[in-house]
C-alpha atoms as a PDB file:
ATOM      1  CA  MET A   1       0.023   6.259 -45.596  1.00  0.00           C
ATOM      2  CA  SER A   2      -2.347   4.048 -47.529  1.00  0.00           C
ATOM      3  CA  LYS A   3       0.591   2.767 -49.578  1.00  0.00           C
ATOM      4  CA  LEU A   4       2.133   0.978 -46.600  1.00  0.00           C
ATOM      5  CA  LYS A   5       2.419  -2.778 -46.951  1.00  0.00           C
ATOM      6  CA  TRP A   6       0.835  -5.130 -44.419  1.00  0.00           C
ATOM      7  CA  TRP A   7       4.136  -5.829 -42.670  1.00  0.00           C
ATOM      8  CA  GLN A   8       4.804  -2.103 -42.359  1.00  0.00           C
ATOM      9  CA  TRP A   9       1.426  -1.662 -40.652  1.00  0.00           C
ATOM     10  CA  CYS A  10       2.393  -4.475 -38.272  1.00  0.00           C
ATOM     11  CA  LEU A  11       5.618  -2.618 -37.462  1.00  0.00           C
ATOM     12  CA  VAL A  12       3.724   0.611 -36.830  1.00  0.00           C
ATOM     13  CA  ILE A  13       1.331  -1.167 -34.480  1.00  0.00           C
ATOM     14  CA  PHE A  14       4.083  -3.152 -32.728  1.00  0.00           C
ATOM     15  CA  ILE A  15       6.246  -0.090 -32.153  1.00  0.00           C
ATOM     16  CA  GLY A  16       3.283   2.109 -31.214  1.00  0.00           C
ATOM     17  CA  LEU A  17       1.798  -0.158 -28.493  1.00  0.00           C
ATOM     18  CA  PRO A  18       4.221   0.901 -25.718  1.00  0.00           C
ATOM     19  CA  PHE A  19       3.505   4.557 -26.498  1.00  0.00           C
ATOM     20  CA  ILE A  20      -0.236   3.948 -26.360  1.00  0.00           C
ATOM     21  CA  GLY A  21       0.105   2.247 -22.941  1.00  0.00           C
ATOM     22  CA  ALA A  22       2.257   5.090 -21.608  1.00  0.00           C
ATOM     23  CA  THR A  23      -0.244   7.648 -22.891  1.00  0.00           C
ATOM     24  CA  ILE A  24      -3.183   5.883 -21.227  1.00  0.00           C
ATOM     25  CA  SER A  25      -1.229   5.638 -17.975  1.00  0.00           C
ATOM     26  CA  ALA A  26      -0.402   9.358 -18.130  1.00  0.00           C
ATOM     27  CA  ILE A  27      -4.027  10.278 -18.822  1.00  0.00           C
ATOM     28  CA  THR A  28      -5.402   8.155 -15.968  1.00  0.00           C
ATOM     29  CA  GLY A  29      -2.678   9.207 -13.541  1.00  0.00           C
ATOM     30  CA  GLY A  30      -1.573   5.600 -13.124  1.00  0.00           C
ATOM     31  CA  GLN A  31      -5.050   4.540 -12.042  1.00  0.00           C
ATOM     32  CA  SER A  32      -6.065   1.057 -13.077  1.00  0.00           C
ATOM     33  CA  ILE A  33      -8.591   0.970 -15.871  1.00  0.00           C
ATOM     34  CA  GLU A  34      -8.763  -2.813 -16.027  1.00  0.00           C
ATOM     35  CA  THR A  35     -12.214  -4.222 -16.229  1.00  0.00           C
ATOM     36  CA  GLU A  36     -13.240  -7.679 -15.220  1.00  0.00           C
ATOM     37  CA  ARG A  37     -16.813  -8.859 -15.579  1.00  0.00           C
ATOM     38  CA  GLY A  38     -17.713  -5.284 -16.484  1.00  0.00           C
ATOM     39  CA  LYS A  39     -16.304  -3.781 -13.264  1.00  0.00           C
ATOM     40  CA  LYS A  40     -13.686  -1.062 -13.022  1.00  0.00           C
ATOM     41  CA  TYR A  41     -11.142  -1.384 -10.252  1.00  0.00           C
ATOM     42  CA  GLU A  42      -8.967   1.163  -8.540  1.00  0.00           C
ATOM     43  CA  PRO A  43      -5.673   0.678  -6.691  1.00  0.00           C
ATOM     44  CA  ALA A  44      -6.121  -0.981  -3.290  1.00  0.00           C
ATOM     45  CA  ASN A  45      -4.023   1.613  -1.409  1.00  0.00           C
ATOM     46  CA  ALA A  46      -3.791  -0.908   1.441  1.00  0.00           C
ATOM     47  CA  GLU A  47      -2.560   0.311   4.814  1.00  0.00           C
ATOM     48  CA  PHE A  48      -1.601  -2.012   7.659  1.00  0.00           C
ATOM     49  CA  LYS A  49      -1.568  -1.528  11.434  1.00  0.00           C
ATOM     50  CA  LEU A  50      -0.413  -4.072  13.977  1.00  0.00           C
ATOM     51  CA  ILE A  51      -3.351  -4.686  16.337  1.00  0.00           C
ATOM     52  CA  ALA A  52      -2.200  -7.674  18.394  1.00  0.00           C
ATOM     53  CA  GLY A  53       0.867  -9.795  19.050  1.00  0.00           C
ATOM     54  CA  GLU A  54       3.533  -9.864  16.395  1.00  0.00           C
ATOM     55  CA  GLY A  55       1.415 -10.897  13.443  1.00  0.00           C
ATOM     56  CA  ILE A  56      -2.208  -9.758  13.632  1.00  0.00           C
ATOM     57  CA  PHE A  57      -2.873  -6.783  11.389  1.00  0.00           C
ATOM     58  CA  ALA A  58      -5.749  -4.501  10.475  1.00  0.00           C
ATOM     59  CA  MET A  59      -5.661  -3.740   6.765  1.00  0.00           C
ATOM     60  CA  THR A  60      -7.746  -0.934   5.323  1.00  0.00           C
ATOM     61  CA  PHE A  61      -8.197  -0.800   1.574  1.00  0.00           C
ATOM     62  CA  ASN A  62     -10.121   0.920  -1.185  1.00  0.00           C
ATOM     63  CA  PRO A  63     -13.629  -0.605  -1.521  1.00  0.00           C
ATOM     64  CA  LYS A  64     -13.267  -0.315  -5.317  1.00  0.00           C
ATOM     65  CA  ALA A  65     -10.102  -2.445  -5.371  1.00  0.00           C
ATOM     66  CA  ASP A  66      -9.956  -5.719  -7.270  1.00  0.00           C
ATOM     67  CA  PRO A  67     -10.791  -8.332  -4.610  1.00  0.00           C
ATOM     68  CA  ASP A  68      -8.670 -10.935  -6.393  1.00  0.00           C
ATOM     69  CA  LYS A  69      -5.570  -8.845  -5.629  1.00  0.00           C
ATOM     70  CA  LEU A  70      -6.188  -8.662  -1.865  1.00  0.00           C
ATOM     71  CA  PRO A  71      -4.718 -12.091  -0.987  1.00  0.00           C
ATOM     72  CA  GLU A  72      -1.436 -11.243  -2.704  1.00  0.00           C
ATOM     73  CA  ILE A  73      -1.270  -7.863  -0.962  1.00  0.00           C
ATOM     74  CA  ALA A  74      -1.801  -9.566   2.423  1.00  0.00           C
ATOM     75  CA  ARG A  75       0.646 -12.367   1.557  1.00  0.00           C
ATOM     76  CA  ARG A  76       3.363  -9.842   0.683  1.00  0.00           C
ATOM     77  CA  HIS A  77       2.747  -7.959   3.923  1.00  0.00           C
ATOM     78  CA  CYS A  78       3.004 -11.150   5.981  1.00  0.00           C
ATOM     79  CA  GLY A  79       6.302 -12.008   4.332  1.00  0.00           C
ATOM     80  CA  SER A  80       8.025 -14.957   5.990  1.00  0.00           C
ATOM     81  CA  ARG A  81       6.314 -14.692   9.399  1.00  0.00           C
ATOM     82  CA  ASP A  82       5.471 -18.088  10.892  1.00  0.00           C
ATOM     83  CA  PHE A  83       1.997 -16.832  11.784  1.00  0.00           C
ATOM     84  CA  CYS A  84       0.125 -13.912  10.279  1.00  0.00           C
ATOM     85  CA  ASN A  85      -3.501 -12.880  10.323  1.00  0.00           C
ATOM     86  CA  VAL A  86      -4.706  -9.930   8.245  1.00  0.00           C
ATOM     87  CA  LEU A  87      -8.214  -8.614   8.825  1.00  0.00           C
ATOM     88  CA  GLY A  88      -9.429  -6.214   6.149  1.00  0.00           C
ATOM     89  CA  TRP A  89     -11.854  -3.294   6.217  1.00  0.00           C
ATOM     90  CA  THR A  90     -12.962  -0.939   3.456  1.00  0.00           C
ATOM     91  CA  ASP A  91     -13.820   1.821   5.947  1.00  0.00           C
ATOM     92  CA  PRO A  92     -10.989   2.897   8.279  1.00  0.00           C
ATOM     93  CA  ALA A  93     -13.554   4.148  10.824  1.00  0.00           C
ATOM     94  CA  PHE A  94     -14.698   0.547  11.361  1.00  0.00           C
ATOM     95  CA  ALA A  95     -11.218  -1.047  11.474  1.00  0.00           C
ATOM     96  CA  ALA A  96     -10.125  -2.615  14.743  1.00  0.00           C
ATOM     97  CA  LYS A  97      -7.636  -0.725  16.870  1.00  0.00           C
ATOM     98  CA  GLY A  98      -6.809  -3.743  19.030  1.00  0.00           C
ATOM     99  CA  PHE A  99      -8.223  -6.778  20.778  1.00  0.00           C
ATOM    100  CA  PRO A 100     -10.817  -7.591  21.886  1.00  0.00           C
ATOM    101  CA  MET A 101     -12.641  -6.298  18.836  1.00  0.00           C
ATOM    102  CA  THR A 102     -16.024  -4.656  19.215  1.00  0.00           C
ATOM    103  CA  GLU A 103     -19.109  -6.184  17.640  1.00  0.00           C
ATOM    104  CA  ARG A 104     -19.164  -3.351  15.090  1.00  0.00           C
ATOM    105  CA  GLU A 105     -15.532  -4.021  14.115  1.00  0.00           C
ATOM    106  CA  THR A 106     -16.151  -7.761  13.839  1.00  0.00           C
ATOM    107  CA  LYS A 107     -19.260  -7.351  11.681  1.00  0.00           C
ATOM    108  CA  SER A 108     -17.517  -4.975   9.289  1.00  0.00           C
ATOM    109  CA  VAL A 109     -14.578  -7.228   8.354  1.00  0.00           C
ATOM    110  CA  LYS A 110     -14.629  -7.636   4.567  1.00  0.00           C
ATOM    111  CA  PHE A 111     -11.593  -9.865   4.053  1.00  0.00           C
ATOM    112  CA  GLN A 112      -9.325 -12.107   6.108  1.00  0.00           C
ATOM    113  CA  TYR A 113      -6.052 -13.783   5.232  1.00  0.00           C
ATOM    114  CA  THR A 114      -4.408 -16.226   7.633  1.00  0.00           C
ATOM    115  CA  VAL A 115      -1.168 -18.152   7.292  1.00  0.00           C
ATOM    116  CA  ASN A 116       0.334 -20.547   9.849  1.00  0.00           C
ATOM    117  CA  ARG A 117       3.528 -22.060   8.476  1.00  0.00           C
ATOM    118  CA  HIS A 118       3.780 -24.601  11.341  1.00  0.00           C
ATOM    119  CA  SER A 119       0.434 -26.218  10.531  1.00  0.00           C
ATOM    120  CA  GLY A 120       0.459 -25.511   6.776  1.00  0.00           C
ATOM    121  CA  LEU A 121      -2.710 -23.415   6.965  1.00  0.00           C
ATOM    122  CA  GLU A 122      -3.167 -20.694   4.385  1.00  0.00           C
ATOM    123  CA  GLN A 123      -6.704 -19.361   4.131  1.00  0.00           C
ATOM    124  CA  GLU A 124      -8.636 -16.507   2.549  1.00  0.00           C
ATOM    125  CA  LEU A 125     -12.089 -15.590   3.800  1.00  0.00           C
ATOM    126  CA  TRP A 126     -14.465 -13.053   2.302  1.00  0.00           C
ATOM    127  CA  ASP A 127     -17.567 -11.081   3.192  1.00  0.00           C
ATOM    128  CA  CYS A 128     -19.740 -12.874   0.656  1.00  0.00           C
ATOM    129  CA  THR A 129     -22.424 -10.197   0.912  1.00  0.00           C
ATOM    130  CA  LYS A 130     -19.906  -7.844  -0.744  1.00  0.00           C
ATOM    131  CA  TRP A 131     -18.143 -10.327  -3.026  1.00  0.00           C
ATOM    132  CA  SER A 132     -19.772 -13.497  -4.229  1.00  0.00           C
ATOM    133  CA  LYS A 133     -17.488 -16.509  -3.980  1.00  0.00           C
ATOM    134  CA  GLN A 134     -18.397 -19.815  -5.523  1.00  0.00           C
ATOM    135  CA  ASP A 135     -17.186 -21.744  -2.479  1.00  0.00           C
ATOM    136  CA  ASN A 136     -19.267 -20.884   0.608  1.00  0.00           C
ATOM    137  CA  ASP A 137     -16.424 -22.277   2.741  1.00  0.00           C
ATOM    138  CA  LYS A 138     -14.574 -19.058   1.893  1.00  0.00           C
ATOM    139  CA  CYS A 139     -17.233 -16.815   3.431  1.00  0.00           C
ATOM    140  CA  LEU A 140     -16.724 -15.046   6.758  1.00  0.00           C
END
């Protein structure tokens, strides 16, 4: 193998990369092993329940999920609704079952996504004690 030329090594690496990715995926059972800023994230496994009206949802998700993926998950769930509000909890026991929400449910919201297509509002809010955001205007 040491007699391979440089371009042959490039071919071996280029052809072998998909197999390496498939092997890693098989070993981890499809679990995300991405790291960002030294953190390991797991799939969000988001679940949604309608808690009020036609567009207010309780979303429960894995506390070890990548927070940067939560807005897209909520956005996809909202689809083309004119108004949608997604309130997110990491612990299903604390998630709201309906309105009015209890003080405990309100204090345990970790993420909120709101879209109102009539007014042009699209907003993400975060529990900044759990996730630090550079813009304090994005804190719950």
